Amino acid sequence: MSTRQLHCLALALCPWLAFAQPLTGTERLQQFTDELQSLRADFTQALIDADGRPVQESQGSVVLRRPGRFRWDYRLPYEQHIVADGKRLWIYDPDLRQVTVKELDDALGNAPINLLSHRRALVDEFLIRDLPSRDGLQWVELQPRIKDTDFTRITLGIDIEGMKVMELADSFGQATRIRFTGVEMNTVSSDEAFEFEPPAGVDVIGSP
């Protein structure tokens, strides 16, 4: 391509570049959920009381792969493992030496984890609106269309790399805030991480 041709191309692009607008929070959320196949990240989770004070904190890691597979491993302050293998949900508490297992759909219902682990049209399940940007993130509020849920709204903080914060507010004025760090998208190609076998000698509640 000649110098003249490059100059003409640049002139042609200028009007489009001048009027191009950054994505809104809702558009960025839609892009994130459309592109998400799998995710791996560390997280910190805090329970916030009605006065805005953290009353309980935990740390761990999460890995998920659509559809219907995820693993939440809590390390601090207590160890706990929650594993969805696509059909069942396993909850393993090493201190109690106890495993609880349920059918996945019955166990989750309308749980917020479905935002990440399943492909669903968000507008069919939530009323969505953009909130003002803060802390370097774009924020979006989701209010469930179905009222018989454990939470009244979900607030998501998103940037160009994807979802960084999920806040879940309940009807008692409390909230659960989850911050994701070290996020890796679409790097999990195997279901091996979501396989679970109850350790020998533990009590199993439910039918595998």
N, C-alpha and C. Protein backbone atom coordinates (compact mmCIF):
# COMPACT_ATOMS: atom_id res chain seq x y z
N MET A 1 0.85 -1.19 0.00
CA MET A 1 0.00 0.00 0.00
C MET A 1 0.89 1.24 0.00
N SER A 2 0.58 2.18 -0.85
CA SER A 2 1.40 3.37 -0.98
C SER A 2 1.14 4.35 0.15
N THR A 3 2.03 5.35 0.27
CA THR A 3 1.87 6.39 1.29
C THR A 3 0.57 7.15 1.07
N ARG A 4 0.24 7.42 -0.21
CA ARG A 4 -1.00 8.13 -0.51
C ARG A 4 -2.22 7.32 -0.10
N GLN A 5 -2.17 6.01 -0.35
CA GLN A 5 -3.30 5.16 0.03
C GLN A 5 -3.46 5.12 1.55
N LEU A 6 -2.35 5.05 2.28
CA LEU A 6 -2.42 5.07 3.74
C LEU A 6 -3.01 6.37 4.25
N HIS A 7 -2.63 7.47 3.61
CA HIS A 7 -3.15 8.78 4.01
C HIS A 7 -4.65 8.84 3.79
N CYS A 8 -5.12 8.32 2.67
CA CYS A 8 -6.56 8.33 2.37
C CYS A 8 -7.32 7.45 3.36
N LEU A 9 -6.73 6.30 3.71
CA LEU A 9 -7.38 5.41 4.68
C LEU A 9 -7.51 6.08 6.03
N ALA A 10 -6.45 6.77 6.46
CA ALA A 10 -6.48 7.46 7.75
C ALA A 10 -7.56 8.53 7.77
N LEU A 11 -7.70 9.27 6.66
CA LEU A 11 -8.73 10.30 6.58
C LEU A 11 -10.12 9.68 6.65
N ALA A 12 -10.28 8.52 6.03
CA ALA A 12 -11.59 7.86 6.02
C ALA A 12 -11.97 7.37 7.42
N LEU A 13 -10.96 6.97 8.20
CA LEU A 13 -11.24 6.44 9.53
C LEU A 13 -11.47 7.52 10.56
N CYS A 14 -10.96 8.71 10.32
CA CYS A 14 -11.01 9.77 11.33
C CYS A 14 -12.42 10.06 11.83
N PRO A 15 -13.43 10.23 10.97
CA PRO A 15 -14.78 10.51 11.48
C PRO A 15 -15.31 9.39 12.37
N TRP A 16 -15.02 8.14 11.98
CA TRP A 16 -15.51 7.01 12.79
C TRP A 16 -14.83 7.00 14.15
N LEU A 17 -13.51 7.24 14.17
CA LEU A 17 -12.78 7.24 15.43
C LEU A 17 -13.25 8.38 16.34
N ALA A 18 -13.58 9.51 15.74
CA ALA A 18 -13.97 10.67 16.52
C ALA A 18 -15.28 10.44 17.26
N PHE A 19 -16.19 9.66 16.64
CA PHE A 19 -17.50 9.48 17.23
C PHE A 19 -17.65 8.14 17.93
N ALA A 20 -16.61 7.30 17.89
CA ALA A 20 -16.68 6.02 18.59
C ALA A 20 -16.80 6.26 20.10
N GLN A 21 -17.75 5.58 20.75
CA GLN A 21 -17.98 5.76 22.18
C GLN A 21 -17.53 4.52 22.95
N PRO A 22 -16.99 4.70 24.16
CA PRO A 22 -16.62 3.54 24.97
C PRO A 22 -17.87 2.74 25.34
N LEU A 23 -17.67 1.47 25.61
CA LEU A 23 -18.79 0.62 25.97
C LEU A 23 -19.37 1.05 27.31
N THR A 24 -20.68 0.97 27.45
CA THR A 24 -21.32 1.18 28.74
C THR A 24 -21.08 -0.05 29.60
N GLY A 25 -21.40 0.06 30.90
CA GLY A 25 -21.25 -1.09 31.78
C GLY A 25 -22.10 -2.26 31.33
N THR A 26 -23.34 -1.98 30.91
CA THR A 26 -24.22 -3.04 30.44
C THR A 26 -23.65 -3.72 29.20
N GLU A 27 -23.12 -2.94 28.27
CA GLU A 27 -22.53 -3.51 27.06
C GLU A 27 -21.28 -4.33 27.39
N ARG A 28 -20.48 -3.84 28.34
CA ARG A 28 -19.28 -4.58 28.72
C ARG A 28 -19.64 -5.89 29.42
N LEU A 29 -20.69 -5.86 30.24
CA LEU A 29 -21.17 -7.09 30.89
C LEU A 29 -21.64 -8.09 29.85
N GLN A 30 -22.39 -7.62 28.86
CA GLN A 30 -22.88 -8.50 27.80
C GLN A 30 -21.71 -9.11 27.03
N GLN A 31 -20.70 -8.30 26.74
CA GLN A 31 -19.53 -8.80 26.03
C GLN A 31 -18.81 -9.86 26.87
N PHE A 32 -18.68 -9.60 28.16
CA PHE A 32 -18.01 -10.55 29.06
C PHE A 32 -18.75 -11.89 29.09
N THR A 33 -20.08 -11.86 29.27
CA THR A 33 -20.83 -13.10 29.36
C THR A 33 -20.89 -13.83 28.01
N ASP A 34 -20.89 -13.08 26.91
CA ASP A 34 -20.89 -13.71 25.59
C ASP A 34 -19.59 -14.46 25.32
N GLU A 35 -18.47 -13.89 25.77
CA GLU A 35 -17.17 -14.45 25.47
C GLU A 35 -16.72 -15.51 26.47
N LEU A 36 -17.35 -15.54 27.65
CA LEU A 36 -16.88 -16.42 28.72
C LEU A 36 -17.15 -17.89 28.39
N GLN A 37 -16.08 -18.67 28.36
CA GLN A 37 -16.17 -20.13 28.26
C GLN A 37 -15.72 -20.78 29.57
N SER A 38 -14.66 -20.23 30.13
CA SER A 38 -14.14 -20.73 31.41
C SER A 38 -13.47 -19.57 32.13
N LEU A 39 -13.23 -19.78 33.43
CA LEU A 39 -12.62 -18.72 34.23
C LEU A 39 -11.85 -19.37 35.38
N ARG A 40 -10.73 -18.73 35.71
CA ARG A 40 -9.93 -19.14 36.87
C ARG A 40 -9.50 -17.86 37.59
N ALA A 41 -9.63 -17.83 38.93
CA ALA A 41 -9.28 -16.62 39.68
C ALA A 41 -9.14 -16.93 41.15
N ASP A 42 -8.47 -16.03 41.87
CA ASP A 42 -8.50 -16.01 43.33
C ASP A 42 -9.59 -15.03 43.76
N PHE A 43 -10.08 -15.20 44.98
CA PHE A 43 -11.12 -14.29 45.44
C PHE A 43 -10.98 -14.01 46.93
N THR A 44 -11.48 -12.86 47.33
CA THR A 44 -11.72 -12.54 48.73
C THR A 44 -13.21 -12.26 48.87
N GLN A 45 -13.80 -12.77 49.92
CA GLN A 45 -15.25 -12.65 50.11
C GLN A 45 -15.51 -12.05 51.48
N ALA A 46 -16.38 -11.06 51.54
CA ALA A 46 -16.68 -10.38 52.80
C ALA A 46 -18.19 -10.28 52.97
N LEU A 47 -18.65 -10.58 54.17
CA LEU A 47 -20.03 -10.34 54.54
C LEU A 47 -20.11 -8.95 55.17
N ILE A 48 -20.95 -8.08 54.58
CA ILE A 48 -21.07 -6.69 55.01
C ILE A 48 -22.41 -6.51 55.74
N ASP A 49 -22.36 -5.94 56.95
CA ASP A 49 -23.61 -5.76 57.69
C ASP A 49 -24.37 -4.54 57.18
N ALA A 50 -25.52 -4.26 57.80
CA ALA A 50 -26.38 -3.18 57.34
C ALA A 50 -25.74 -1.81 57.50
N ASP A 51 -24.71 -1.70 58.35
CA ASP A 51 -24.00 -0.44 58.54
C ASP A 51 -22.78 -0.32 57.64
N GLY A 52 -22.60 -1.28 56.75
CA GLY A 52 -21.48 -1.22 55.82
C GLY A 52 -20.17 -1.74 56.36
N ARG A 53 -20.20 -2.45 57.49
CA ARG A 53 -18.98 -2.96 58.10
C ARG A 53 -18.79 -4.44 57.78
N PRO A 54 -17.57 -4.86 57.42
CA PRO A 54 -17.30 -6.28 57.18
C PRO A 54 -17.32 -7.04 58.49
N VAL A 55 -18.12 -8.11 58.57
CA VAL A 55 -18.23 -8.89 59.80
C VAL A 55 -17.65 -10.29 59.63
N GLN A 56 -17.38 -10.68 58.41
CA GLN A 56 -16.80 -12.00 58.17
C GLN A 56 -16.06 -11.98 56.84
N GLU A 57 -14.85 -12.51 56.80
CA GLU A 57 -14.07 -12.50 55.57
C GLU A 57 -13.51 -13.89 55.30
N SER A 58 -13.35 -14.22 54.04
CA SER A 58 -12.78 -15.50 53.65
C SER A 58 -12.02 -15.32 52.35
N GLN A 59 -11.15 -16.29 52.06
CA GLN A 59 -10.32 -16.25 50.86
C GLN A 59 -10.29 -17.62 50.22
N GLY A 60 -10.05 -17.62 48.91
CA GLY A 60 -9.96 -18.89 48.22
C GLY A 60 -9.72 -18.71 46.74
N SER A 61 -10.07 -19.73 45.99
CA SER A 61 -9.90 -19.70 44.54
C SER A 61 -11.12 -20.32 43.89
N VAL A 62 -11.35 -19.93 42.64
CA VAL A 62 -12.49 -20.43 41.89
C VAL A 62 -12.03 -20.81 40.49
N VAL A 63 -12.60 -21.88 39.98
CA VAL A 63 -12.40 -22.25 38.58
C VAL A 63 -13.76 -22.73 38.07
N LEU A 64 -14.13 -22.31 36.87
CA LEU A 64 -15.42 -22.74 36.31
C LEU A 64 -15.29 -22.96 34.81
N ARG A 65 -16.18 -23.77 34.32
CA ARG A 65 -16.24 -24.06 32.89
C ARG A 65 -17.70 -24.26 32.50
N ARG A 66 -18.14 -23.50 31.55
CA ARG A 66 -19.51 -23.61 31.10
C ARG A 66 -19.70 -24.86 30.25
N PRO A 67 -20.89 -25.48 30.34
CA PRO A 67 -22.01 -25.14 31.24
C PRO A 67 -21.98 -25.98 32.52
N GLY A 68 -22.33 -25.36 33.63
CA GLY A 68 -22.66 -26.08 34.85
C GLY A 68 -21.53 -26.71 35.62
N ARG A 69 -20.29 -26.26 35.41
CA ARG A 69 -19.17 -26.83 36.16
C ARG A 69 -18.41 -25.71 36.86
N PHE A 70 -18.22 -25.84 38.16
CA PHE A 70 -17.42 -24.88 38.88
C PHE A 70 -16.87 -25.51 40.15
N ARG A 71 -15.86 -24.85 40.69
CA ARG A 71 -15.23 -25.31 41.92
C ARG A 71 -14.80 -24.09 42.72
N TRP A 72 -15.39 -23.94 43.91
CA TRP A 72 -15.00 -22.88 44.85
C TRP A 72 -14.25 -23.54 46.00
N ASP A 73 -12.99 -23.20 46.16
CA ASP A 73 -12.17 -23.75 47.24
C ASP A 73 -11.87 -22.63 48.24
N TYR A 74 -12.48 -22.71 49.42
CA TYR A 74 -12.20 -21.76 50.50
C TYR A 74 -10.99 -22.26 51.27
N ARG A 75 -10.02 -21.37 51.48
CA ARG A 75 -8.81 -21.72 52.23
C ARG A 75 -8.80 -21.10 53.62
N LEU A 76 -9.24 -19.86 53.72
CA LEU A 76 -9.24 -19.12 54.98
C LEU A 76 -10.61 -18.49 55.21
N PRO A 77 -11.08 -18.38 56.46
CA PRO A 77 -10.45 -18.88 57.68
C PRO A 77 -10.66 -20.38 57.88
N TYR A 78 -11.59 -20.99 57.13
CA TYR A 78 -11.84 -22.42 57.25
C TYR A 78 -11.84 -23.03 55.85
N GLU A 79 -11.41 -24.27 55.79
CA GLU A 79 -11.36 -24.96 54.51
C GLU A 79 -12.74 -25.53 54.17
N GLN A 80 -13.16 -25.30 52.93
CA GLN A 80 -14.40 -25.87 52.42
C GLN A 80 -14.31 -25.93 50.90
N HIS A 81 -14.92 -26.95 50.32
CA HIS A 81 -14.86 -27.14 48.87
C HIS A 81 -16.28 -27.33 48.34
N ILE A 82 -16.63 -26.54 47.33
CA ILE A 82 -17.94 -26.63 46.68
C ILE A 82 -17.69 -26.94 45.21
N VAL A 83 -18.16 -28.09 44.77
CA VAL A 83 -17.84 -28.57 43.43
C VAL A 83 -19.12 -28.93 42.68
N ALA A 84 -19.28 -28.36 41.50
CA ALA A 84 -20.39 -28.72 40.60
C ALA A 84 -19.80 -29.46 39.41
N ASP A 85 -20.24 -30.71 39.19
CA ASP A 85 -19.66 -31.52 38.12
C ASP A 85 -20.52 -31.56 36.87
N GLY A 86 -21.54 -30.69 36.82
CA GLY A 86 -22.45 -30.65 35.67
C GLY A 86 -23.78 -31.30 35.95
N LYS A 87 -23.79 -32.21 36.94
CA LYS A 87 -25.03 -32.90 37.31
C LYS A 87 -25.34 -32.76 38.80
N ARG A 88 -24.29 -32.78 39.60
CA ARG A 88 -24.46 -32.75 41.05
C ARG A 88 -23.65 -31.61 41.66
N LEU A 89 -24.08 -31.19 42.86
CA LEU A 89 -23.34 -30.21 43.63
C LEU A 89 -22.84 -30.89 44.90
N TRP A 90 -21.51 -30.86 45.08
CA TRP A 90 -20.87 -31.47 46.24
C TRP A 90 -20.35 -30.35 47.17
N ILE A 91 -20.62 -30.48 48.46
CA ILE A 91 -20.08 -29.55 49.46
C ILE A 91 -19.33 -30.38 50.48
N TYR A 92 -18.03 -30.15 50.55
CA TYR A 92 -17.16 -30.95 51.41
C TYR A 92 -16.57 -30.07 52.50
N ASP A 93 -16.83 -30.43 53.75
CA ASP A 93 -16.29 -29.74 54.91
C ASP A 93 -15.30 -30.66 55.61
N PRO A 94 -13.98 -30.47 55.40
CA PRO A 94 -12.99 -31.36 55.99
C PRO A 94 -13.01 -31.39 57.52
N ASP A 95 -13.29 -30.25 58.18
CA ASP A 95 -13.30 -30.22 59.64
C ASP A 95 -14.41 -31.10 60.20
N LEU A 96 -15.55 -31.09 59.53
CA LEU A 96 -16.67 -31.93 59.98
C LEU A 96 -16.59 -33.34 59.41
N ARG A 97 -15.67 -33.55 58.47
CA ARG A 97 -15.56 -34.84 57.75
C ARG A 97 -16.93 -35.23 57.20
N GLN A 98 -17.50 -34.28 56.45
CA GLN A 98 -18.87 -34.45 55.93
C GLN A 98 -18.98 -33.94 54.51
N VAL A 99 -19.67 -34.68 53.68
CA VAL A 99 -19.96 -34.29 52.30
C VAL A 99 -21.47 -34.26 52.11
N THR A 100 -21.96 -33.17 51.54
CA THR A 100 -23.38 -33.08 51.16
C THR A 100 -23.46 -33.05 49.64
N VAL A 101 -24.36 -33.85 49.07
CA VAL A 101 -24.50 -33.90 47.62
C VAL A 101 -25.97 -33.74 47.25
N LYS A 102 -26.22 -32.91 46.21
CA LYS A 102 -27.57 -32.66 45.74
C LYS A 102 -27.56 -32.61 44.21
N GLU A 103 -28.74 -32.77 43.62
CA GLU A 103 -28.86 -32.53 42.19
C GLU A 103 -28.56 -31.05 41.92
N LEU A 104 -27.79 -30.78 40.88
CA LEU A 104 -27.28 -29.43 40.66
C LEU A 104 -28.41 -28.41 40.48
N ASP A 105 -29.37 -28.70 39.62
CA ASP A 105 -30.44 -27.73 39.36
C ASP A 105 -31.27 -27.44 40.60
N ASP A 106 -31.52 -28.49 41.41
CA ASP A 106 -32.30 -28.30 42.63
C ASP A 106 -31.52 -27.48 43.65
N ALA A 107 -30.20 -27.69 43.69
CA ALA A 107 -29.38 -27.02 44.69
C ALA A 107 -29.18 -25.54 44.38
N LEU A 108 -29.02 -25.21 43.10
CA LEU A 108 -28.69 -23.83 42.73
C LEU A 108 -29.91 -22.95 42.56
N GLY A 109 -30.94 -23.46 41.91
CA GLY A 109 -32.10 -22.61 41.65
C GLY A 109 -31.70 -21.38 40.87
N ASN A 110 -31.94 -20.19 41.47
CA ASN A 110 -31.57 -18.92 40.84
C ASN A 110 -30.33 -18.31 41.49
N ALA A 111 -29.44 -19.14 41.99
CA ALA A 111 -28.23 -18.64 42.65
C ALA A 111 -27.40 -17.79 41.70
N PRO A 112 -26.74 -16.74 42.21
CA PRO A 112 -25.95 -15.83 41.35
C PRO A 112 -24.83 -16.51 40.59
N ILE A 113 -24.34 -17.67 41.07
CA ILE A 113 -23.27 -18.35 40.35
C ILE A 113 -23.71 -18.72 38.94
N ASN A 114 -25.02 -18.81 38.72
CA ASN A 114 -25.52 -19.12 37.38
C ASN A 114 -25.15 -18.05 36.36
N LEU A 115 -24.89 -16.83 36.85
CA LEU A 115 -24.44 -15.77 35.93
C LEU A 115 -23.17 -16.18 35.21
N LEU A 116 -22.30 -16.91 35.91
CA LEU A 116 -21.01 -17.28 35.35
C LEU A 116 -21.01 -18.69 34.76
N SER A 117 -21.74 -19.60 35.40
CA SER A 117 -21.61 -21.01 35.02
C SER A 117 -22.60 -21.46 33.95
N HIS A 118 -23.61 -20.65 33.64
CA HIS A 118 -24.60 -21.03 32.64
C HIS A 118 -24.75 -19.92 31.59
N ARG A 119 -25.16 -20.34 30.42
CA ARG A 119 -25.46 -19.39 29.36
C ARG A 119 -26.95 -19.06 29.39
N ARG A 120 -27.27 -17.90 29.91
CA ARG A 120 -28.66 -17.47 29.97
C ARG A 120 -28.75 -16.01 29.56
N ALA A 121 -29.85 -15.66 28.96
CA ALA A 121 -30.06 -14.26 28.57
C ALA A 121 -30.36 -13.46 29.83
N LEU A 122 -29.45 -12.55 30.18
CA LEU A 122 -29.59 -11.80 31.42
C LEU A 122 -30.87 -10.98 31.46
N VAL A 123 -31.26 -10.43 30.31
CA VAL A 123 -32.44 -9.55 30.29
C VAL A 123 -33.71 -10.34 30.57
N ASP A 124 -33.68 -11.66 30.37
CA ASP A 124 -34.86 -12.47 30.67
C ASP A 124 -35.03 -12.69 32.17
N GLU A 125 -33.95 -12.58 32.93
CA GLU A 125 -33.99 -12.88 34.35
C GLU A 125 -33.80 -11.67 35.24
N PHE A 126 -33.27 -10.55 34.67
CA PHE A 126 -32.96 -9.39 35.49
C PHE A 126 -33.39 -8.10 34.80
N LEU A 127 -33.72 -7.11 35.64
CA LEU A 127 -33.80 -5.73 35.19
C LEU A 127 -32.40 -5.14 35.35
N ILE A 128 -31.84 -4.60 34.28
CA ILE A 128 -30.44 -4.20 34.27
C ILE A 128 -30.34 -2.69 34.07
N ARG A 129 -29.49 -2.04 34.87
CA ARG A 129 -29.25 -0.61 34.66
C ARG A 129 -27.80 -0.27 35.00
N ASP A 130 -27.27 0.72 34.30
CA ASP A 130 -25.91 1.18 34.55
C ASP A 130 -25.87 2.07 35.79
N LEU A 131 -24.79 1.97 36.54
CA LEU A 131 -24.55 2.81 37.70
C LEU A 131 -23.31 3.68 37.43
N PRO A 132 -23.10 4.74 38.21
CA PRO A 132 -21.91 5.58 38.00
C PRO A 132 -20.62 4.77 38.21
N SER A 133 -19.60 5.11 37.45
CA SER A 133 -18.30 4.46 37.58
C SER A 133 -17.64 4.89 38.90
N ARG A 134 -16.90 3.97 39.49
CA ARG A 134 -16.12 4.28 40.70
C ARG A 134 -15.02 3.23 40.86
N ASP A 135 -13.96 3.61 41.55
CA ASP A 135 -12.84 2.71 41.83
C ASP A 135 -12.24 2.12 40.56
N GLY A 136 -12.32 2.89 39.45
CA GLY A 136 -11.76 2.41 38.21
C GLY A 136 -12.57 1.34 37.51
N LEU A 137 -13.81 1.13 37.95
CA LEU A 137 -14.67 0.10 37.38
C LEU A 137 -15.98 0.70 36.90
N GLN A 138 -16.58 0.05 35.91
CA GLN A 138 -17.95 0.36 35.52
C GLN A 138 -18.88 -0.57 36.30
N TRP A 139 -20.00 -0.01 36.76
CA TRP A 139 -20.88 -0.78 37.64
C TRP A 139 -22.25 -0.96 37.00
N VAL A 140 -22.80 -2.15 37.20
CA VAL A 140 -24.11 -2.50 36.66
C VAL A 140 -24.93 -3.14 37.77
N GLU A 141 -26.19 -2.76 37.86
CA GLU A 141 -27.10 -3.34 38.86
C GLU A 141 -28.08 -4.28 38.17
N LEU A 142 -28.27 -5.46 38.76
CA LEU A 142 -29.21 -6.45 38.26
C LEU A 142 -30.24 -6.74 39.35
N GLN A 143 -31.50 -6.53 39.05
CA GLN A 143 -32.57 -6.85 39.97
C GLN A 143 -33.34 -8.05 39.44
N PRO A 144 -33.48 -9.13 40.23
CA PRO A 144 -34.16 -10.33 39.75
C PRO A 144 -35.62 -10.06 39.40
N ARG A 145 -36.04 -10.57 38.27
CA ARG A 145 -37.45 -10.47 37.91
C ARG A 145 -38.30 -11.40 38.78
N ILE A 146 -37.70 -12.51 39.22
CA ILE A 146 -38.38 -13.44 40.13
C ILE A 146 -38.10 -12.98 41.56
N LYS A 147 -39.13 -12.80 42.35
CA LYS A 147 -38.97 -12.20 43.66
C LYS A 147 -38.64 -13.21 44.76
N ASP A 148 -38.87 -14.52 44.54
CA ASP A 148 -38.62 -15.50 45.59
C ASP A 148 -37.17 -15.98 45.55
N THR A 149 -36.24 -15.03 45.66
CA THR A 149 -34.82 -15.34 45.71
C THR A 149 -34.24 -14.87 47.03
N ASP A 150 -33.03 -15.32 47.34
CA ASP A 150 -32.38 -14.95 48.59
C ASP A 150 -31.72 -13.57 48.53
N PHE A 151 -31.70 -12.96 47.36
CA PHE A 151 -31.05 -11.66 47.21
C PHE A 151 -31.98 -10.69 46.49
N THR A 152 -31.85 -9.41 46.79
CA THR A 152 -32.71 -8.40 46.19
C THR A 152 -32.07 -7.74 44.98
N ARG A 153 -30.73 -7.75 44.92
CA ARG A 153 -30.05 -7.19 43.75
C ARG A 153 -28.62 -7.70 43.70
N ILE A 154 -28.05 -7.65 42.52
CA ILE A 154 -26.65 -7.98 42.30
C ILE A 154 -25.99 -6.76 41.68
N THR A 155 -24.85 -6.35 42.21
CA THR A 155 -24.10 -5.25 41.65
C THR A 155 -22.76 -5.78 41.17
N LEU A 156 -22.43 -5.48 39.92
CA LEU A 156 -21.22 -6.02 39.30
C LEU A 156 -20.28 -4.88 38.93
N GLY A 157 -19.00 -5.03 39.27
CA GLY A 157 -17.97 -4.09 38.87
C GLY A 157 -17.12 -4.71 37.77
N ILE A 158 -17.01 -4.01 36.63
CA ILE A 158 -16.40 -4.59 35.44
C ILE A 158 -15.38 -3.61 34.87
N ASP A 159 -14.30 -4.14 34.32
CA ASP A 159 -13.39 -3.31 33.53
C ASP A 159 -13.10 -4.02 32.22
N ILE A 160 -12.12 -3.55 31.49
CA ILE A 160 -11.85 -4.09 30.16
C ILE A 160 -11.42 -5.55 30.21
N GLU A 161 -10.92 -6.01 31.37
CA GLU A 161 -10.47 -7.38 31.51
C GLU A 161 -11.59 -8.32 31.92
N GLY A 162 -12.73 -7.78 32.37
CA GLY A 162 -13.84 -8.63 32.78
C GLY A 162 -14.38 -8.25 34.14
N MET A 163 -15.10 -9.19 34.76
CA MET A 163 -15.73 -8.93 36.04
C MET A 163 -14.69 -8.96 37.16
N LYS A 164 -14.71 -7.93 38.01
CA LYS A 164 -13.77 -7.85 39.11
C LYS A 164 -14.45 -7.90 40.48
N VAL A 165 -15.71 -7.46 40.56
CA VAL A 165 -16.41 -7.44 41.85
C VAL A 165 -17.85 -7.88 41.63
N MET A 166 -18.34 -8.70 42.56
CA MET A 166 -19.75 -9.08 42.59
C MET A 166 -20.27 -8.82 43.99
N GLU A 167 -21.33 -8.01 44.10
CA GLU A 167 -21.93 -7.71 45.38
C GLU A 167 -23.39 -8.20 45.39
N LEU A 168 -23.73 -8.98 46.40
CA LEU A 168 -25.06 -9.57 46.51
C LEU A 168 -25.75 -9.00 47.73
N ALA A 169 -26.85 -8.30 47.54
CA ALA A 169 -27.59 -7.70 48.65
C ALA A 169 -28.80 -8.55 48.98
N ASP A 170 -29.05 -8.78 50.28
CA ASP A 170 -30.21 -9.57 50.67
C ASP A 170 -31.28 -8.68 51.30
N SER A 171 -32.39 -9.29 51.68
CA SER A 171 -33.53 -8.53 52.19
C SER A 171 -33.32 -8.08 53.63
N PHE A 172 -32.23 -8.51 54.28
CA PHE A 172 -31.95 -8.12 55.66
C PHE A 172 -31.00 -6.93 55.74
N GLY A 173 -30.65 -6.36 54.59
CA GLY A 173 -29.75 -5.22 54.58
C GLY A 173 -28.28 -5.60 54.56
N GLN A 174 -27.98 -6.89 54.55
CA GLN A 174 -26.60 -7.34 54.47
C GLN A 174 -26.20 -7.55 53.01
N ALA A 175 -24.91 -7.64 52.80
CA ALA A 175 -24.40 -7.87 51.45
C ALA A 175 -23.18 -8.77 51.51
N THR A 176 -22.99 -9.54 50.45
CA THR A 176 -21.78 -10.33 50.29
C THR A 176 -21.01 -9.75 49.12
N ARG A 177 -19.74 -9.38 49.38
CA ARG A 177 -18.90 -8.77 48.35
C ARG A 177 -17.77 -9.73 47.99
N ILE A 178 -17.66 -10.06 46.72
CA ILE A 178 -16.61 -10.96 46.24
C ILE A 178 -15.74 -10.18 45.27
N ARG A 179 -14.43 -10.14 45.56
CA ARG A 179 -13.46 -9.47 44.68
C ARG A 179 -12.59 -10.54 44.03
N PHE A 180 -12.49 -10.47 42.71
CA PHE A 180 -11.70 -11.43 41.95
C PHE A 180 -10.36 -10.81 41.56
N THR A 181 -9.29 -11.59 41.71
CA THR A 181 -7.96 -11.15 41.29
C THR A 181 -7.30 -12.27 40.49
N GLY A 182 -6.32 -11.88 39.68
CA GLY A 182 -5.61 -12.87 38.88
C GLY A 182 -6.52 -13.62 37.93
N VAL A 183 -7.49 -12.92 37.36
CA VAL A 183 -8.49 -13.57 36.51
C VAL A 183 -7.87 -14.06 35.20
N GLU A 184 -8.14 -15.32 34.87
CA GLU A 184 -7.75 -15.90 33.58
C GLU A 184 -9.01 -16.41 32.90
N MET A 185 -9.30 -15.87 31.73
CA MET A 185 -10.49 -16.29 31.00
C MET A 185 -10.13 -17.28 29.91
N ASN A 186 -11.01 -18.30 29.77
CA ASN A 186 -10.96 -19.24 28.66
C ASN A 186 -9.62 -19.99 28.57
N THR A 187 -9.12 -20.42 29.74
CA THR A 187 -7.89 -21.21 29.78
C THR A 187 -8.12 -22.62 30.30
N VAL A 188 -9.35 -22.93 30.73
CA VAL A 188 -9.66 -24.25 31.29
C VAL A 188 -10.31 -25.10 30.22
N SER A 189 -9.63 -26.16 29.80
CA SER A 189 -10.14 -26.98 28.70
C SER A 189 -10.56 -28.38 29.14
N SER A 190 -10.29 -28.75 30.40
CA SER A 190 -10.58 -30.09 30.88
C SER A 190 -11.61 -30.05 32.00
N ASP A 191 -12.38 -31.14 32.14
CA ASP A 191 -13.35 -31.25 33.22
C ASP A 191 -12.74 -31.89 34.47
N GLU A 192 -11.46 -32.19 34.44
CA GLU A 192 -10.83 -32.91 35.55
C GLU A 192 -10.95 -32.16 36.87
N ALA A 193 -10.86 -30.83 36.83
CA ALA A 193 -10.91 -30.05 38.06
C ALA A 193 -12.26 -30.15 38.75
N PHE A 194 -13.29 -30.58 38.03
CA PHE A 194 -14.65 -30.60 38.57
C PHE A 194 -15.11 -32.00 38.96
N GLU A 195 -14.19 -32.95 38.91
CA GLU A 195 -14.50 -34.30 39.36
C GLU A 195 -14.33 -34.36 40.88
N PHE A 196 -15.25 -35.03 41.57
CA PHE A 196 -15.17 -35.11 43.03
C PHE A 196 -15.51 -36.52 43.48
N GLU A 197 -14.67 -37.05 44.35
CA GLU A 197 -14.88 -38.35 44.96
C GLU A 197 -14.80 -38.15 46.47
N PRO A 198 -15.85 -38.48 47.22
CA PRO A 198 -15.81 -38.29 48.68
C PRO A 198 -14.63 -39.05 49.29
N PRO A 199 -13.85 -38.39 50.12
CA PRO A 199 -12.73 -39.08 50.78
C PRO A 199 -13.23 -40.24 51.64
N ALA A 200 -12.38 -41.23 51.79
CA ALA A 200 -12.74 -42.39 52.60
C ALA A 200 -12.99 -41.98 54.03
N GLY A 201 -14.06 -42.54 54.61
CA GLY A 201 -14.34 -42.33 56.02
C GLY A 201 -15.19 -41.12 56.36
N VAL A 202 -15.57 -40.33 55.35
CA VAL A 202 -16.42 -39.17 55.64
C VAL A 202 -17.89 -39.55 55.53
N ASP A 203 -18.73 -38.80 56.22
CA ASP A 203 -20.17 -39.00 56.11
C ASP A 203 -20.68 -38.33 54.86
N VAL A 204 -21.51 -39.03 54.08
CA VAL A 204 -22.08 -38.48 52.86
C VAL A 204 -23.59 -38.33 53.07
N ILE A 205 -24.05 -37.09 52.97
CA ILE A 205 -25.47 -36.77 53.12
C ILE A 205 -26.05 -36.53 51.74
N GLY A 206 -27.07 -37.30 51.36
CA GLY A 206 -27.62 -37.23 50.02
C GLY A 206 -27.21 -38.45 49.23
N SER A 207 -27.73 -38.54 48.01
CA SER A 207 -27.45 -39.70 47.18
C SER A 207 -26.62 -39.30 45.97
N PRO A 208 -25.38 -39.83 45.86
CA PRO A 208 -24.55 -39.53 44.70
C PRO A 208 -25.16 -40.03 43.40
